[in-house]
Amino acid sequence: MPTATMVPGVSHPLRLIASRLAGVLLLATVVSPELPARAADEFEVYQQRLAQLFRQLDRNGDGRLELDEVRANAYLLRHFERLDRGGKGYLVPGDLR
């Protein structure tokens, strides 16, 4: 499985994707008037997929992902402690951005 390239200040692959999409948006505003809308659409699709994944894993619908709920996702299980900002014992959508 390919690994994400590490970028200084970006510690999570999902954040890396978001930061790269933000760079594309910035570049697109300079290069072509059509590209910003397309990049914004792609970023919106990414955000929607992330929200959908969160809802699927949040079995009890409380808006939090407990450790037992992320067991179905190997990446989240492996990185749970690092993603759990503040050591709350659960993840919220903002922890994944």
PDB file of N, CA and C in Angstrom:
ATOM      1  N   MET A   1       0.846  -1.179   0.000  1.00  0.00           N
ATOM      2  CA  MET A   1       0.000   0.000   0.000  1.00  0.00           C
ATOM      3  C   MET A   1       0.888   1.238   0.000  1.00  0.00           C
ATOM      4  N   PRO A   2       0.646   2.207  -0.883  1.00  0.00           N
ATOM      5  CA  PRO A   2       1.498   3.394  -0.926  1.00  0.00           C
ATOM      6  C   PRO A   2       1.355   4.209   0.351  1.00  0.00           C
ATOM      7  N   THR A   3       2.414   4.860   0.727  1.00  0.00           N
ATOM      8  CA  THR A   3       2.378   5.708   1.910  1.00  0.00           C
ATOM      9  C   THR A   3       2.386   7.164   1.476  1.00  0.00           C
ATOM     10  N   ALA A   4       1.795   7.999   2.318  1.00  0.00           N
ATOM     11  CA  ALA A   4       1.753   9.427   2.017  1.00  0.00           C
ATOM     12  C   ALA A   4       3.122  10.040   2.261  1.00  0.00           C
ATOM     13  N   THR A   5       3.482  10.984   1.439  1.00  0.00           N
ATOM     14  CA  THR A   5       4.724  11.715   1.627  1.00  0.00           C
ATOM     15  C   THR A   5       4.544  12.640   2.818  1.00  0.00           C
ATOM     16  N   MET A   6       5.512  12.660   3.705  1.00  0.00           N
ATOM     17  CA  MET A   6       5.412  13.529   4.869  1.00  0.00           C
ATOM     18  C   MET A   6       5.769  14.956   4.467  1.00  0.00           C
ATOM     19  N   VAL A   7       4.997  15.880   4.946  1.00  0.00           N
ATOM     20  CA  VAL A   7       5.204  17.295   4.688  1.00  0.00           C
ATOM     21  C   VAL A   7       5.361  17.972   6.042  1.00  0.00           C
ATOM     22  N   PRO A   8       6.365  18.834   6.210  1.00  0.00           N
ATOM     23  CA  PRO A   8       6.540  19.504   7.496  1.00  0.00           C
ATOM     24  C   PRO A   8       5.253  20.192   7.931  1.00  0.00           C
ATOM     25  N   GLY A   9       4.860  19.970   9.174  1.00  0.00           N
ATOM     26  CA  GLY A   9       3.658  20.584   9.720  1.00  0.00           C
ATOM     27  C   GLY A   9       2.375  19.842   9.395  1.00  0.00           C
ATOM     28  N   VAL A  10       2.447  18.779   8.616  1.00  0.00           N
ATOM     29  CA  VAL A  10       1.252  18.009   8.261  1.00  0.00           C
ATOM     30  C   VAL A  10       1.473  16.590   8.761  1.00  0.00           C
ATOM     31  N   SER A  11       0.761  16.210   9.831  1.00  0.00           N
ATOM     32  CA  SER A  11       1.041  14.940  10.490  1.00  0.00           C
ATOM     33  C   SER A  11       0.066  13.829  10.130  1.00  0.00           C
ATOM     34  N   HIS A  12      -0.932  14.096   9.330  1.00  0.00           N
ATOM     35  CA  HIS A  12      -1.966  13.102   9.056  1.00  0.00           C
ATOM     36  C   HIS A  12      -2.249  13.063   7.561  1.00  0.00           C
ATOM     37  N   PRO A  13      -2.354  11.879   6.963  1.00  0.00           N
ATOM     38  CA  PRO A  13      -2.601  11.795   5.519  1.00  0.00           C
ATOM     39  C   PRO A  13      -3.844  12.550   5.062  1.00  0.00           C
ATOM     40  N   LEU A  14      -4.911  12.550   5.872  1.00  0.00           N
ATOM     41  CA  LEU A  14      -6.106  13.295   5.471  1.00  0.00           C
ATOM     42  C   LEU A  14      -5.830  14.796   5.471  1.00  0.00           C
ATOM     43  N   ARG A  15      -5.023  15.243   6.420  1.00  0.00           N
ATOM     44  CA  ARG A  15      -4.650  16.663   6.435  1.00  0.00           C
ATOM     45  C   ARG A  15      -3.748  16.983   5.248  1.00  0.00           C
ATOM     46  N   LEU A  16      -2.899  16.027   4.878  1.00  0.00           N
ATOM     47  CA  LEU A  16      -2.034  16.211   3.715  1.00  0.00           C
ATOM     48  C   LEU A  16      -2.884  16.399   2.468  1.00  0.00           C
ATOM     49  N   ILE A  17      -3.896  15.575   2.313  1.00  0.00           N
ATOM     50  CA  ILE A  17      -4.796  15.702   1.159  1.00  0.00           C
ATOM     51  C   ILE A  17      -5.472  17.064   1.175  1.00  0.00           C
ATOM     52  N   ALA A  18      -5.983  17.461   2.335  1.00  0.00           N
ATOM     53  CA  ALA A  18      -6.661  18.752   2.445  1.00  0.00           C
ATOM     54  C   ALA A  18      -5.713  19.903   2.130  1.00  0.00           C
ATOM     55  N   SER A  19      -4.472  19.828   2.625  1.00  0.00           N
ATOM     56  CA  SER A  19      -3.529  20.919   2.360  1.00  0.00           C
ATOM     57  C   SER A  19      -3.148  20.974   0.888  1.00  0.00           C
ATOM     58  N   ARG A  20      -3.020  19.809   0.268  1.00  0.00           N
ATOM     59  CA  ARG A  20      -2.702  19.799  -1.166  1.00  0.00           C
ATOM     60  C   ARG A  20      -3.871  20.330  -1.986  1.00  0.00           C
ATOM     61  N   LEU A  21      -5.086  19.982  -1.603  1.00  0.00           N
ATOM     62  CA  LEU A  21      -6.242  20.523  -2.316  1.00  0.00           C
ATOM     63  C   LEU A  21      -6.318  22.042  -2.150  1.00  0.00           C
ATOM     64  N   ALA A  22      -5.977  22.524  -0.965  1.00  0.00           N
ATOM     65  CA  ALA A  22      -5.957  23.973  -0.753  1.00  0.00           C
ATOM     66  C   ALA A  22      -4.917  24.625  -1.661  1.00  0.00           C
ATOM     67  N   GLY A  23      -3.763  23.984  -1.823  1.00  0.00           N
ATOM     68  CA  GLY A  23      -2.738  24.495  -2.733  1.00  0.00           C
ATOM     69  C   GLY A  23      -3.215  24.511  -4.167  1.00  0.00           C
ATOM     70  N   VAL A  24      -3.939  23.477  -4.554  1.00  0.00           N
ATOM     71  CA  VAL A  24      -4.504  23.421  -5.907  1.00  0.00           C
ATOM     72  C   VAL A  24      -5.488  24.561  -6.105  1.00  0.00           C
ATOM     73  N   LEU A  25      -6.319  24.818  -5.100  1.00  0.00           N
ATOM     74  CA  LEU A  25      -7.275  25.925  -5.198  1.00  0.00           C
ATOM     75  C   LEU A  25      -6.554  27.251  -5.401  1.00  0.00           C
ATOM     76  N   LEU A  26      -5.500  27.483  -4.642  1.00  0.00           N
ATOM     77  CA  LEU A  26      -4.741  28.726  -4.763  1.00  0.00           C
ATOM     78  C   LEU A  26      -4.099  28.843  -6.133  1.00  0.00           C
ATOM     79  N   LEU A  27      -3.447  27.789  -6.583  1.00  0.00           N
ATOM     80  CA  LEU A  27      -2.811  27.795  -7.894  1.00  0.00           C
ATOM     81  C   LEU A  27      -3.848  27.974  -8.998  1.00  0.00           C
ATOM     82  N   ALA A  28      -4.978  27.333  -8.841  1.00  0.00           N
ATOM     83  CA  ALA A  28      -6.010  27.382  -9.870  1.00  0.00           C
ATOM     84  C   ALA A  28      -6.564  28.791 -10.057  1.00  0.00           C
ATOM     85  N   THR A  29      -6.613  29.579  -9.009  1.00  0.00           N
ATOM     86  CA  THR A  29      -7.125  30.937  -9.155  1.00  0.00           C
ATOM     87  C   THR A  29      -6.208  31.784 -10.023  1.00  0.00           C
ATOM     88  N   VAL A  30      -4.926  31.435 -10.070  1.00  0.00           N
ATOM     89  CA  VAL A  30      -3.962  32.158 -10.886  1.00  0.00           C
ATOM     90  C   VAL A  30      -3.940  31.626 -12.314  1.00  0.00           C
ATOM     91  N   VAL A  31      -4.069  30.321 -12.484  1.00  0.00           N
ATOM     92  CA  VAL A  31      -3.888  29.676 -13.777  1.00  0.00           C
ATOM     93  C   VAL A  31      -5.120  29.739 -14.666  1.00  0.00           C
ATOM     94  N   SER A  32      -6.269  29.387 -14.149  1.00  0.00           N
ATOM     95  CA  SER A  32      -7.458  29.259 -14.987  1.00  0.00           C
ATOM     96  C   SER A  32      -8.707  29.584 -14.183  1.00  0.00           C
ATOM     97  N   PRO A  33      -9.641  30.297 -14.786  1.00  0.00           N
ATOM     98  CA  PRO A  33     -10.867  30.619 -14.058  1.00  0.00           C
ATOM     99  C   PRO A  33     -11.757  29.399 -13.810  1.00  0.00           C
ATOM    100  N   GLU A  34     -11.619  28.320 -14.616  1.00  0.00           N
ATOM    101  CA  GLU A  34     -12.462  27.142 -14.424  1.00  0.00           C
ATOM    102  C   GLU A  34     -11.954  26.241 -13.304  1.00  0.00           C
ATOM    103  N   LEU A  35     -10.663  26.234 -13.072  1.00  0.00           N
ATOM    104  CA  LEU A  35     -10.077  25.307 -12.114  1.00  0.00           C
ATOM    105  C   LEU A  35     -10.510  25.532 -10.666  1.00  0.00           C
ATOM    106  N   PRO A  36     -10.688  26.763 -10.193  1.00  0.00           N
ATOM    107  CA  PRO A  36     -11.098  26.919  -8.790  1.00  0.00           C
ATOM    108  C   PRO A  36     -12.417  26.218  -8.483  1.00  0.00           C
ATOM    109  N   ALA A  37     -13.368  26.323  -9.379  1.00  0.00           N
ATOM    110  CA  ALA A  37     -14.658  25.675  -9.146  1.00  0.00           C
ATOM    111  C   ALA A  37     -14.494  24.163  -9.112  1.00  0.00           C
ATOM    112  N   ARG A  38     -13.690  23.622 -10.011  1.00  0.00           N
ATOM    113  CA  ARG A  38     -13.474  22.178 -10.052  1.00  0.00           C
ATOM    114  C   ARG A  38     -12.753  21.687  -8.800  1.00  0.00           C
ATOM    115  N   ALA A  39     -11.719  22.402  -8.388  1.00  0.00           N
ATOM    116  CA  ALA A  39     -10.991  22.018  -7.180  1.00  0.00           C
ATOM    117  C   ALA A  39     -11.889  22.133  -5.952  1.00  0.00           C
ATOM    118  N   ALA A  40     -12.704  23.175  -5.906  1.00  0.00           N
ATOM    119  CA  ALA A  40     -13.639  23.334  -4.791  1.00  0.00           C
ATOM    120  C   ALA A  40     -14.632  22.183  -4.770  1.00  0.00           C
ATOM    121  N   ASP A  41     -15.094  21.768  -5.949  1.00  0.00           N
ATOM    122  CA  ASP A  41     -16.010  20.626  -6.032  1.00  0.00           C
ATOM    123  C   ASP A  41     -15.338  19.358  -5.519  1.00  0.00           C
ATOM    124  N   GLU A  42     -14.082  19.136  -5.901  1.00  0.00           N
ATOM    125  CA  GLU A  42     -13.355  17.949  -5.452  1.00  0.00           C
ATOM    126  C   GLU A  42     -13.151  17.972  -3.940  1.00  0.00           C
ATOM    127  N   PHE A  43     -12.861  19.139  -3.396  1.00  0.00           N
ATOM    128  CA  PHE A  43     -12.688  19.257  -1.950  1.00  0.00           C
ATOM    129  C   PHE A  43     -14.009  18.985  -1.243  1.00  0.00           C
ATOM    130  N   GLU A  44     -15.099  19.467  -1.808  1.00  0.00           N
ATOM    131  CA  GLU A  44     -16.427  19.221  -1.236  1.00  0.00           C
ATOM    132  C   GLU A  44     -16.740  17.726  -1.244  1.00  0.00           C
ATOM    133  N   VAL A  45     -16.409  17.040  -2.331  1.00  0.00           N
ATOM    134  CA  VAL A  45     -16.617  15.586  -2.414  1.00  0.00           C
ATOM    135  C   VAL A  45     -15.795  14.887  -1.329  1.00  0.00           C
ATOM    136  N   TYR A  46     -14.547  15.317  -1.149  1.00  0.00           N
ATOM    137  CA  TYR A  46     -13.689  14.751  -0.099  1.00  0.00           C
ATOM    138  C   TYR A  46     -14.334  14.943   1.272  1.00  0.00           C
ATOM    139  N   GLN A  47     -14.816  16.142   1.552  1.00  0.00           N
ATOM    140  CA  GLN A  47     -15.450  16.429   2.846  1.00  0.00           C
ATOM    141  C   GLN A  47     -16.697  15.563   3.042  1.00  0.00           C
ATOM    142  N   GLN A  48     -17.484  15.391   1.977  1.00  0.00           N
ATOM    143  CA  GLN A  48     -18.692  14.570   2.069  1.00  0.00           C
ATOM    144  C   GLN A  48     -18.350  13.107   2.334  1.00  0.00           C
ATOM    145  N   ARG A  49     -17.319  12.601   1.674  1.00  0.00           N
ATOM    146  CA  ARG A  49     -16.907  11.206   1.895  1.00  0.00           C
ATOM    147  C   ARG A  49     -16.399  11.001   3.318  1.00  0.00           C
ATOM    148  N   LEU A  50     -15.665  11.966   3.817  1.00  0.00           N
ATOM    149  CA  LEU A  50     -15.173  11.888   5.186  1.00  0.00           C
ATOM    150  C   LEU A  50     -16.344  11.872   6.170  1.00  0.00           C
ATOM    151  N   ALA A  51     -17.330  12.736   5.944  1.00  0.00           N
ATOM    152  CA  ALA A  51     -18.514  12.775   6.809  1.00  0.00           C
ATOM    153  C   ALA A  51     -19.296  11.464   6.720  1.00  0.00           C
ATOM    154  N   GLN A  52     -19.399  10.913   5.515  1.00  0.00           N
ATOM    155  CA  GLN A  52     -20.105   9.647   5.329  1.00  0.00           C
ATOM    156  C   GLN A  52     -19.395   8.516   6.083  1.00  0.00           C
ATOM    157  N   LEU A  53     -18.070   8.454   5.980  1.00  0.00           N
ATOM    158  CA  LEU A  53     -17.309   7.439   6.698  1.00  0.00           C
ATOM    159  C   LEU A  53     -17.540   7.572   8.200  1.00  0.00           C
ATOM    160  N   PHE A  54     -17.513   8.805   8.692  1.00  0.00           N
ATOM    161  CA  PHE A  54     -17.718   9.036  10.121  1.00  0.00           C
ATOM    162  C   PHE A  54     -19.093   8.525  10.542  1.00  0.00           C
ATOM    163  N   ARG A  55     -20.126   8.856   9.769  1.00  0.00           N
ATOM    164  CA  ARG A  55     -21.489   8.405  10.100  1.00  0.00           C
ATOM    165  C   ARG A  55     -21.589   6.881  10.085  1.00  0.00           C
ATOM    166  N   GLN A  56     -20.940   6.248   9.116  1.00  0.00           N
ATOM    167  CA  GLN A  56     -20.983   4.787   9.028  1.00  0.00           C
ATOM    168  C   GLN A  56     -20.330   4.135  10.244  1.00  0.00           C
ATOM    169  N   LEU A  57     -19.232   4.687  10.692  1.00  0.00           N
ATOM    170  CA  LEU A  57     -18.523   4.109  11.827  1.00  0.00           C
ATOM    171  C   LEU A  57     -19.183   4.444  13.162  1.00  0.00           C
ATOM    172  N   ASP A  58     -19.898   5.557  13.225  1.00  0.00           N
ATOM    173  CA  ASP A  58     -20.554   6.006  14.465  1.00  0.00           C
ATOM    174  C   ASP A  58     -21.848   5.211  14.662  1.00  0.00           C
ATOM    175  N   ARG A  59     -21.706   3.982  15.124  1.00  0.00           N
ATOM    176  CA  ARG A  59     -22.847   3.064  15.216  1.00  0.00           C
ATOM    177  C   ARG A  59     -23.950   3.553  16.148  1.00  0.00           C
ATOM    178  N   ASN A  60     -23.599   4.220  17.231  1.00  0.00           N
ATOM    179  CA  ASN A  60     -24.635   4.658  18.161  1.00  0.00           C
ATOM    180  C   ASN A  60     -25.132   6.076  17.872  1.00  0.00           C
ATOM    181  N   GLY A  61     -24.571   6.731  16.850  1.00  0.00           N
ATOM    182  CA  GLY A  61     -25.062   8.038  16.411  1.00  0.00           C
ATOM    183  C   GLY A  61     -24.843   9.179  17.383  1.00  0.00           C
ATOM    184  N   ASP A  62     -23.853   9.055  18.274  1.00  0.00           N
ATOM    185  CA  ASP A  62     -23.632  10.119  19.253  1.00  0.00           C
ATOM    186  C   ASP A  62     -22.671  11.208  18.775  1.00  0.00           C
ATOM    187  N   GLY A  63     -22.205  11.112  17.518  1.00  0.00           N
ATOM    188  CA  GLY A  63     -21.304  12.125  16.979  1.00  0.00           C
ATOM    189  C   GLY A  63     -19.864  11.950  17.413  1.00  0.00           C
ATOM    190  N   ARG A  64     -19.574  10.819  18.051  1.00  0.00           N
ATOM    191  CA  ARG A  64     -18.220  10.514  18.505  1.00  0.00           C
ATOM    192  C   ARG A  64     -17.868   9.096  18.076  1.00  0.00           C
ATOM    193  N   LEU A  65     -16.599   8.873  17.802  1.00  0.00           N
ATOM    194  CA  LEU A  65     -16.124   7.531  17.489  1.00  0.00           C
ATOM    195  C   LEU A  65     -15.309   7.022  18.666  1.00  0.00           C
ATOM    196  N   GLU A  66     -15.888   6.076  19.384  1.00  0.00           N
ATOM    197  CA  GLU A  66     -15.184   5.411  20.479  1.00  0.00           C
ATOM    198  C   GLU A  66     -14.224   4.393  19.863  1.00  0.00           C
ATOM    199  N   LEU A  67     -13.287   3.923  20.645  1.00  0.00           N
ATOM    200  CA  LEU A  67     -12.300   2.962  20.159  1.00  0.00           C
ATOM    201  C   LEU A  67     -12.968   1.719  19.574  1.00  0.00           C
ATOM    202  N   ASP A  68     -14.012   1.205  20.218  1.00  0.00           N
ATOM    203  CA  ASP A  68     -14.661   0.000  19.692  1.00  0.00           C
ATOM    204  C   ASP A  68     -15.355   0.255  18.358  1.00  0.00           C
ATOM    205  N   GLU A  69     -15.743   1.504  18.071  1.00  0.00           N
ATOM    206  CA  GLU A  69     -16.395   1.820  16.803  1.00  0.00           C
ATOM    207  C   GLU A  69     -15.403   1.914  15.642  1.00  0.00           C
ATOM    208  N   VAL A  70     -14.157   2.235  15.919  1.00  0.00           N
ATOM    209  CA  VAL A  70     -13.179   2.374  14.833  1.00  0.00           C
ATOM    210  C   VAL A  70     -12.473   1.067  14.503  1.00  0.00           C
ATOM    211  N   ARG A  71     -12.776   0.013  15.230  1.00  0.00           N
ATOM    212  CA  ARG A  71     -12.120  -1.275  14.967  1.00  0.00           C
ATOM    213  C   ARG A  71     -12.353  -1.760  13.539  1.00  0.00           C
ATOM    214  N   ALA A  72     -13.416  -1.312  12.890  1.00  0.00           N
ATOM    215  CA  ALA A  72     -13.708  -1.700  11.505  1.00  0.00           C
ATOM    216  C   ALA A  72     -12.811  -0.977  10.504  1.00  0.00           C
ATOM    217  N   ASN A  73     -12.074   0.033  10.944  1.00  0.00           N
ATOM    218  CA  ASN A  73     -11.213   0.804  10.056  1.00  0.00           C
ATOM    219  C   ASN A  73      -9.772   0.695  10.558  1.00  0.00           C
ATOM    220  N   ALA A  74      -8.961  -0.081   9.849  1.00  0.00           N
ATOM    221  CA  ALA A  74      -7.595  -0.364  10.296  1.00  0.00           C
ATOM    222  C   ALA A  74      -6.772   0.906  10.497  1.00  0.00           C
ATOM    223  N   TYR A  75      -6.912   1.887   9.598  1.00  0.00           N
ATOM    224  CA  TYR A  75      -6.123   3.118   9.723  1.00  0.00           C
ATOM    225  C   TYR A  75      -6.491   3.863  11.004  1.00  0.00           C
ATOM    226  N   LEU A  76      -7.790   4.069  11.235  1.00  0.00           N
ATOM    227  CA  LEU A  76      -8.215   4.805  12.424  1.00  0.00           C
ATOM    228  C   LEU A  76      -7.847   4.054  13.701  1.00  0.00           C
ATOM    229  N   LEU A  77      -7.962   2.742  13.670  1.00  0.00           N
ATOM    230  CA  LEU A  77      -7.595   1.948  14.837  1.00  0.00           C
ATOM    231  C   LEU A  77      -6.109   2.119  15.153  1.00  0.00           C
ATOM    232  N   ARG A  78      -5.282   2.037  14.129  1.00  0.00           N
ATOM    233  CA  ARG A  78      -3.832   2.154  14.304  1.00  0.00           C
ATOM    234  C   ARG A  78      -3.433   3.543  14.808  1.00  0.00           C
ATOM    235  N   HIS A  79      -4.133   4.580  14.369  1.00  0.00           N
ATOM    236  CA  HIS A  79      -3.742   5.959  14.686  1.00  0.00           C
ATOM    237  C   HIS A  79      -4.684   6.647  15.675  1.00  0.00           C
ATOM    238  N   PHE A  80      -5.522   5.875  16.342  1.00  0.00           N
ATOM    239  CA  PHE A  80      -6.538   6.441  17.231  1.00  0.00           C
ATOM    240  C   PHE A  80      -5.939   7.408  18.250  1.00  0.00           C
ATOM    241  N   GLU A  81      -4.916   6.971  18.967  1.00  0.00           N
ATOM    242  CA  GLU A  81      -4.340   7.817  20.023  1.00  0.00           C
ATOM    243  C   GLU A  81      -3.777   9.118  19.472  1.00  0.00           C
ATOM    244  N   ARG A  82      -3.145   9.066  18.312  1.00  0.00           N
ATOM    245  CA  ARG A  82      -2.567  10.279  17.719  1.00  0.00           C
ATOM    246  C   ARG A  82      -3.664  11.230  17.241  1.00  0.00           C
ATOM    247  N   LEU A  83      -4.731  10.675  16.683  1.00  0.00           N
ATOM    248  CA  LEU A  83      -5.816  11.506  16.173  1.00  0.00           C
ATOM    249  C   LEU A  83      -6.676  12.084  17.292  1.00  0.00           C
ATOM    250  N   ASP A  84      -6.733  11.409  18.414  1.00  0.00           N
ATOM    251  CA  ASP A  84      -7.557  11.833  19.553  1.00  0.00           C
ATOM    252  C   ASP A  84      -6.929  13.056  20.210  1.00  0.00           C
ATOM    253  N   ARG A  85      -7.261  14.203  19.677  1.00  0.00           N
ATOM    254  CA  ARG A  85      -6.710  15.459  20.194  1.00  0.00           C
ATOM    255  C   ARG A  85      -7.178  15.675  21.632  1.00  0.00           C
ATOM    256  N   GLY A  86      -6.266  15.863  22.513  1.00  0.00           N
ATOM    257  CA  GLY A  86      -6.595  16.119  23.909  1.00  0.00           C
ATOM    258  C   GLY A  86      -6.808  14.861  24.728  1.00  0.00           C
ATOM    259  N   GLY A  87      -6.654  13.689  24.130  1.00  0.00           N
ATOM    260  CA  GLY A  87      -6.798  12.446  24.884  1.00  0.00           C
ATOM    261  C   GLY A  87      -8.178  12.230  25.465  1.00  0.00           C
ATOM    262  N   LYS A  88      -9.211  12.578  24.698  1.00  0.00           N
ATOM    263  CA  LYS A  88     -10.592  12.468  25.163  1.00  0.00           C
ATOM    264  C   LYS A  88     -11.069  11.028  25.286  1.00  0.00           C
ATOM    265  N   GLY A  89     -10.449  10.128  24.514  1.00  0.00           N
ATOM    266  CA  GLY A  89     -10.899   8.744  24.487  1.00  0.00           C
ATOM    267  C   GLY A  89     -11.870   8.466  23.359  1.00  0.00           C
ATOM    268  N   TYR A  90     -12.098   9.456  22.500  1.00  0.00           N
ATOM    269  CA  TYR A  90     -12.975   9.304  21.340  1.00  0.00           C
ATOM    270  C   TYR A  90     -12.556  10.313  20.280  1.00  0.00           C
ATOM    271  N   LEU A  91     -13.036  10.103  19.064  1.00  0.00           N
ATOM    272  CA  LEU A  91     -12.758  11.025  17.958  1.00  0.00           C
ATOM    273  C   LEU A  91     -14.029  11.767  17.589  1.00  0.00           C
ATOM    274  N   VAL A  92     -13.879  13.012  17.206  1.00  0.00           N
ATOM    275  CA  VAL A  92     -14.979  13.807  16.650  1.00  0.00           C
ATOM    276  C   VAL A  92     -14.582  14.162  15.218  1.00  0.00           C
ATOM    277  N   PRO A  93     -15.538  14.597  14.394  1.00  0.00           N
ATOM    278  CA  PRO A  93     -15.191  14.894  12.996  1.00  0.00           C
ATOM    279  C   PRO A  93     -13.979  15.813  12.839  1.00  0.00           C
ATOM    280  N   GLY A  94     -13.834  16.791  13.692  1.00  0.00           N
ATOM    281  CA  GLY A  94     -12.701  17.709  13.604  1.00  0.00           C
ATOM    282  C   GLY A  94     -11.352  17.044  13.798  1.00  0.00           C
ATOM    283  N   ASP A  95     -11.322  15.915  14.498  1.00  0.00           N
ATOM    284  CA  ASP A  95     -10.064  15.189  14.684  1.00  0.00           C
ATOM    285  C   ASP A  95      -9.565  14.584  13.382  1.00  0.00           C
ATOM    286  N   LEU A  96     -10.448  14.383  12.420  1.00  0.00           N
ATOM    287  CA  LEU A  96     -10.076  13.749  11.157  1.00  0.00           C
ATOM    288  C   LEU A  96      -9.719  14.753  10.078  1.00  0.00           C
ATOM    289  N   ARG A  97      -9.879  16.025  10.325  1.00  0.00           N
ATOM    290  CA  ARG A  97      -9.587  17.041   9.309  1.00  0.00           C
ATOM    291  C   ARG A  97      -8.181  17.545   9.445  1.00  0.00           C
TER     292      ARG A  97
END
